[in-house]
N, C-alpha and C. Protein backbone atom coordinates (compact mmCIF):
# COMPACT_ATOMS: atom_id res chain seq x y z
N MET A 1 14.73 -1.15 -3.44
CA MET A 1 13.79 -0.10 -3.71
C MET A 1 12.83 0.02 -2.52
N SER A 2 12.55 1.25 -2.13
CA SER A 2 11.67 1.45 -0.99
C SER A 2 10.23 1.12 -1.35
N THR A 3 9.47 0.81 -0.34
CA THR A 3 8.06 0.48 -0.55
C THR A 3 7.29 1.66 -1.12
N GLU A 4 7.58 2.85 -0.61
CA GLU A 4 6.89 4.04 -1.10
C GLU A 4 7.17 4.28 -2.59
N LEU A 5 8.41 4.11 -2.99
CA LEU A 5 8.76 4.29 -4.39
C LEU A 5 8.07 3.24 -5.25
N TYR A 6 8.04 2.01 -4.78
CA TYR A 6 7.40 0.93 -5.52
C TYR A 6 5.91 1.20 -5.67
N LYS A 7 5.26 1.64 -4.59
CA LYS A 7 3.83 1.96 -4.66
C LYS A 7 3.60 3.08 -5.67
N PHE A 8 4.46 4.08 -5.68
CA PHE A 8 4.34 5.18 -6.63
C PHE A 8 4.47 4.67 -8.06
N GLN A 9 5.44 3.80 -8.30
CA GLN A 9 5.64 3.25 -9.65
C GLN A 9 4.43 2.46 -10.11
N ILE A 10 3.90 1.63 -9.24
CA ILE A 10 2.73 0.81 -9.61
C ILE A 10 1.55 1.71 -9.96
N ARG A 11 1.31 2.72 -9.13
CA ARG A 11 0.21 3.64 -9.42
C ARG A 11 0.46 4.37 -10.74
N ASN A 12 1.69 4.74 -10.98
CA ASN A 12 2.04 5.44 -12.22
C ASN A 12 1.85 4.55 -13.44
N TYR A 13 2.25 3.28 -13.33
CA TYR A 13 2.08 2.35 -14.45
C TYR A 13 0.59 2.20 -14.80
N ILE A 14 -0.22 2.03 -13.80
CA ILE A 14 -1.65 1.83 -14.04
C ILE A 14 -2.26 3.10 -14.64
N GLU A 15 -1.89 4.25 -14.08
CA GLU A 15 -2.43 5.52 -14.59
C GLU A 15 -2.00 5.76 -16.03
N THR A 16 -0.74 5.49 -16.34
CA THR A 16 -0.24 5.67 -17.71
C THR A 16 -0.95 4.73 -18.67
N THR A 17 -1.11 3.49 -18.27
CA THR A 17 -1.80 2.52 -19.13
C THR A 17 -3.25 2.93 -19.34
N TYR A 18 -3.89 3.39 -18.26
CA TYR A 18 -5.27 3.86 -18.38
C TYR A 18 -5.38 5.00 -19.39
N LEU A 19 -4.48 5.97 -19.29
CA LEU A 19 -4.52 7.11 -20.22
C LEU A 19 -4.28 6.69 -21.66
N LYS A 20 -3.36 5.75 -21.87
CA LYS A 20 -3.11 5.25 -23.23
C LYS A 20 -4.36 4.58 -23.81
N VAL A 21 -4.98 3.74 -23.00
CA VAL A 21 -6.19 3.05 -23.47
C VAL A 21 -7.30 4.06 -23.72
N LYS A 22 -7.46 5.01 -22.82
CA LYS A 22 -8.51 6.03 -22.97
C LYS A 22 -8.32 6.83 -24.26
N GLU A 23 -7.10 7.28 -24.51
CA GLU A 23 -6.84 8.05 -25.73
C GLU A 23 -7.02 7.20 -26.99
N SER A 24 -6.57 5.96 -26.94
CA SER A 24 -6.75 5.07 -28.10
C SER A 24 -8.23 4.82 -28.35
N LEU A 25 -8.98 4.63 -27.29
CA LEU A 25 -10.42 4.39 -27.42
C LEU A 25 -11.10 5.62 -28.03
N GLU A 26 -10.76 6.79 -27.54
CA GLU A 26 -11.35 8.01 -28.09
C GLU A 26 -11.02 8.15 -29.58
N ASP A 27 -9.79 7.82 -29.95
CA ASP A 27 -9.40 7.88 -31.35
C ASP A 27 -10.19 6.87 -32.18
N LEU A 28 -10.34 5.67 -31.66
CA LEU A 28 -11.12 4.64 -32.36
C LEU A 28 -12.57 5.08 -32.55
N GLU A 29 -13.17 5.58 -31.48
CA GLU A 29 -14.58 5.98 -31.55
C GLU A 29 -14.77 7.14 -32.55
N LYS A 30 -13.79 8.01 -32.64
CA LYS A 30 -13.89 9.16 -33.54
C LYS A 30 -13.60 8.79 -34.99
N ASN A 31 -12.53 8.05 -35.20
CA ASN A 31 -12.06 7.79 -36.56
C ASN A 31 -12.48 6.44 -37.15
N TYR A 32 -12.82 5.49 -36.29
CA TYR A 32 -13.17 4.15 -36.78
C TYR A 32 -14.41 3.62 -36.05
N PRO A 33 -15.49 4.33 -36.08
CA PRO A 33 -16.69 3.91 -35.32
C PRO A 33 -17.26 2.56 -35.78
N HIS A 34 -16.89 2.11 -36.96
CA HIS A 34 -17.38 0.83 -37.48
C HIS A 34 -16.69 -0.37 -36.83
N LYS A 35 -15.58 -0.14 -36.13
CA LYS A 35 -14.86 -1.25 -35.48
C LYS A 35 -15.45 -1.51 -34.09
N VAL A 36 -16.68 -1.97 -34.11
CA VAL A 36 -17.48 -2.11 -32.90
C VAL A 36 -16.85 -3.09 -31.90
N GLU A 37 -16.40 -4.22 -32.37
CA GLU A 37 -15.83 -5.23 -31.45
C GLU A 37 -14.56 -4.71 -30.78
N LEU A 38 -13.72 -4.05 -31.53
CA LEU A 38 -12.49 -3.48 -30.96
C LEU A 38 -12.82 -2.38 -29.95
N ILE A 39 -13.78 -1.55 -30.30
CA ILE A 39 -14.19 -0.48 -29.38
C ILE A 39 -14.75 -1.08 -28.10
N LYS A 40 -15.57 -2.10 -28.22
CA LYS A 40 -16.15 -2.75 -27.05
C LYS A 40 -15.05 -3.34 -26.16
N SER A 41 -14.09 -4.00 -26.78
CA SER A 41 -12.97 -4.58 -26.04
C SER A 41 -12.16 -3.50 -25.32
N MET A 42 -11.93 -2.40 -26.00
CA MET A 42 -11.17 -1.29 -25.39
C MET A 42 -11.96 -0.67 -24.24
N GLN A 43 -13.28 -0.58 -24.39
CA GLN A 43 -14.11 -0.04 -23.31
C GLN A 43 -14.03 -0.94 -22.08
N GLU A 44 -14.06 -2.24 -22.30
CA GLU A 44 -13.94 -3.18 -21.18
C GLU A 44 -12.57 -3.07 -20.51
N THR A 45 -11.54 -2.92 -21.32
CA THR A 45 -10.19 -2.76 -20.78
C THR A 45 -10.10 -1.46 -19.97
N ARG A 46 -10.67 -0.39 -20.50
CA ARG A 46 -10.69 0.89 -19.78
C ARG A 46 -11.40 0.73 -18.43
N ASP A 47 -12.55 0.06 -18.46
CA ASP A 47 -13.30 -0.14 -17.22
C ASP A 47 -12.52 -1.00 -16.22
N ASP A 48 -11.84 -2.02 -16.73
CA ASP A 48 -11.00 -2.86 -15.86
C ASP A 48 -9.89 -2.03 -15.21
N LEU A 49 -9.29 -1.15 -15.99
CA LEU A 49 -8.22 -0.31 -15.46
C LEU A 49 -8.75 0.68 -14.42
N ILE A 50 -9.96 1.15 -14.60
CA ILE A 50 -10.57 2.03 -13.59
C ILE A 50 -10.69 1.27 -12.27
N HIS A 51 -11.18 0.04 -12.35
CA HIS A 51 -11.30 -0.78 -11.13
C HIS A 51 -9.93 -1.08 -10.52
N ALA A 52 -8.95 -1.34 -11.38
CA ALA A 52 -7.59 -1.61 -10.89
C ALA A 52 -7.02 -0.37 -10.19
N ARG A 53 -7.26 0.80 -10.75
CA ARG A 53 -6.77 2.05 -10.12
C ARG A 53 -7.35 2.20 -8.72
N VAL A 54 -8.64 1.98 -8.60
CA VAL A 54 -9.29 2.10 -7.29
C VAL A 54 -8.73 1.05 -6.33
N GLY A 55 -8.60 -0.18 -6.81
CA GLY A 55 -8.09 -1.25 -5.96
C GLY A 55 -6.67 -0.99 -5.49
N VAL A 56 -5.82 -0.56 -6.38
CA VAL A 56 -4.43 -0.27 -6.01
C VAL A 56 -4.38 0.88 -5.01
N ARG A 57 -5.20 1.89 -5.22
CA ARG A 57 -5.24 3.02 -4.28
C ARG A 57 -5.65 2.53 -2.89
N ILE A 58 -6.66 1.69 -2.83
CA ILE A 58 -7.12 1.15 -1.55
C ILE A 58 -6.01 0.33 -0.89
N PHE A 59 -5.37 -0.55 -1.66
CA PHE A 59 -4.30 -1.39 -1.11
C PHE A 59 -3.12 -0.55 -0.64
N CYS A 60 -2.75 0.46 -1.41
CA CYS A 60 -1.63 1.32 -1.01
C CYS A 60 -1.96 2.09 0.27
N ASP A 61 -3.18 2.60 0.36
CA ASP A 61 -3.58 3.31 1.57
C ASP A 61 -3.59 2.37 2.78
N GLU A 62 -4.10 1.19 2.57
CA GLU A 62 -4.14 0.21 3.67
C GLU A 62 -2.73 -0.20 4.08
N LEU A 63 -1.85 -0.39 3.10
CA LEU A 63 -0.47 -0.74 3.40
C LEU A 63 0.21 0.36 4.22
N SER A 64 -0.06 1.60 3.87
CA SER A 64 0.51 2.72 4.63
C SER A 64 -0.01 2.73 6.06
N LYS A 65 -1.31 2.50 6.22
CA LYS A 65 -1.89 2.44 7.57
C LYS A 65 -1.27 1.31 8.38
N LEU A 66 -1.11 0.16 7.75
CA LEU A 66 -0.51 -0.98 8.45
C LEU A 66 0.95 -0.72 8.80
N ALA A 67 1.67 -0.07 7.91
CA ALA A 67 3.07 0.26 8.20
C ALA A 67 3.16 1.22 9.38
N ASN A 68 2.28 2.20 9.42
CA ASN A 68 2.25 3.13 10.56
C ASN A 68 1.89 2.41 11.85
N ARG A 69 0.91 1.53 11.78
CA ARG A 69 0.50 0.75 12.97
C ARG A 69 1.66 -0.14 13.43
N ASN A 70 2.35 -0.75 12.51
CA ASN A 70 3.49 -1.59 12.84
C ASN A 70 4.57 -0.77 13.55
N TYR A 71 4.83 0.42 13.03
CA TYR A 71 5.83 1.30 13.64
C TYR A 71 5.43 1.65 15.08
N ASP A 72 4.15 2.00 15.26
CA ASP A 72 3.67 2.33 16.60
C ASP A 72 3.81 1.15 17.55
N LEU A 73 3.48 -0.04 17.07
CA LEU A 73 3.60 -1.23 17.91
C LEU A 73 5.05 -1.57 18.23
N GLU A 74 5.94 -1.36 17.28
CA GLU A 74 7.37 -1.59 17.53
C GLU A 74 7.89 -0.64 18.61
N ARG A 75 7.46 0.62 18.52
CA ARG A 75 7.87 1.59 19.55
C ARG A 75 7.32 1.20 20.92
N LEU A 76 6.06 0.78 20.97
CA LEU A 76 5.46 0.34 22.22
C LEU A 76 6.19 -0.88 22.76
N ASN A 77 6.52 -1.81 21.89
CA ASN A 77 7.25 -3.01 22.30
C ASN A 77 8.60 -2.64 22.91
N LEU A 78 9.32 -1.72 22.27
CA LEU A 78 10.62 -1.30 22.81
C LEU A 78 10.46 -0.64 24.18
N SER A 79 9.43 0.18 24.31
CA SER A 79 9.18 0.84 25.59
C SER A 79 8.85 -0.17 26.68
N LEU A 80 8.01 -1.13 26.35
CA LEU A 80 7.65 -2.16 27.33
C LEU A 80 8.85 -3.04 27.68
N GLN A 81 9.67 -3.34 26.69
CA GLN A 81 10.87 -4.13 26.95
C GLN A 81 11.81 -3.37 27.88
N HIS A 82 11.94 -2.08 27.68
CA HIS A 82 12.76 -1.23 28.55
C HIS A 82 12.21 -1.24 29.97
N ASP A 83 10.89 -1.09 30.10
CA ASP A 83 10.25 -1.13 31.42
C ASP A 83 10.47 -2.49 32.09
N LEU A 84 10.34 -3.55 31.31
CA LEU A 84 10.54 -4.90 31.85
C LEU A 84 11.98 -5.07 32.36
N ASN A 85 12.94 -4.57 31.60
CA ASN A 85 14.33 -4.67 32.02
C ASN A 85 14.56 -3.93 33.34
N LYS A 86 13.94 -2.76 33.49
CA LYS A 86 14.08 -2.01 34.74
C LYS A 86 13.43 -2.76 35.91
N ILE A 87 12.27 -3.35 35.66
CA ILE A 87 11.59 -4.12 36.72
C ILE A 87 12.40 -5.35 37.10
N GLU A 88 12.96 -6.04 36.12
CA GLU A 88 13.79 -7.22 36.41
C GLU A 88 15.01 -6.83 37.23
N LEU A 89 15.62 -5.71 36.90
CA LEU A 89 16.77 -5.24 37.67
C LEU A 89 16.36 -4.88 39.09
N LEU A 90 15.25 -4.19 39.23
CA LEU A 90 14.73 -3.85 40.56
C LEU A 90 14.43 -5.11 41.36
N ASN A 91 13.81 -6.07 40.71
CA ASN A 91 13.49 -7.34 41.37
C ASN A 91 14.76 -8.05 41.82
N LYS A 92 15.76 -8.06 40.99
CA LYS A 92 17.05 -8.69 41.34
C LYS A 92 17.67 -7.99 42.54
N ASN A 93 17.65 -6.67 42.51
CA ASN A 93 18.22 -5.90 43.63
C ASN A 93 17.48 -6.19 44.93
N LEU A 94 16.15 -6.26 44.86
CA LEU A 94 15.36 -6.55 46.06
C LEU A 94 15.63 -7.99 46.55
N SER A 95 15.73 -8.92 45.62
CA SER A 95 16.03 -10.31 45.99
C SER A 95 17.39 -10.40 46.66
N ASP A 96 18.36 -9.67 46.12
CA ASP A 96 19.71 -9.70 46.70
C ASP A 96 19.68 -9.12 48.12
N ARG A 97 18.90 -8.09 48.33
CA ARG A 97 18.82 -7.44 49.65
C ARG A 97 18.11 -8.35 50.67
N VAL A 98 17.10 -9.07 50.20
CA VAL A 98 16.35 -9.96 51.07
C VAL A 98 17.23 -11.12 51.52
N GLN A 99 18.09 -11.61 50.69
CA GLN A 99 18.95 -12.75 50.99
C GLN A 99 20.05 -12.39 51.97
N LEU A 100 20.36 -11.14 52.12
CA LEU A 100 21.40 -10.73 53.05
C LEU A 100 20.94 -10.96 54.41
């Protein structure tokens, strides 16, 4: 599974869970306001999921930035390796000519 797909799934799982908890909490508050402890627990869970959503978004964005930076560095590395190979060949040719 690709990283992008996995990140999408994780974000989707958290968002879906958040919506389920939010709807259940609204139903509890409307239909069962006397269940104070359960409502409080659901509110805490909802708040935790809000923080998790933000955290996952930050991590996913950072992962994307790092993946792009890694790609750029890999390209630079290949370019420098190519330049080094050309310099080594030039150096060898010059050394061969000097020895003649």
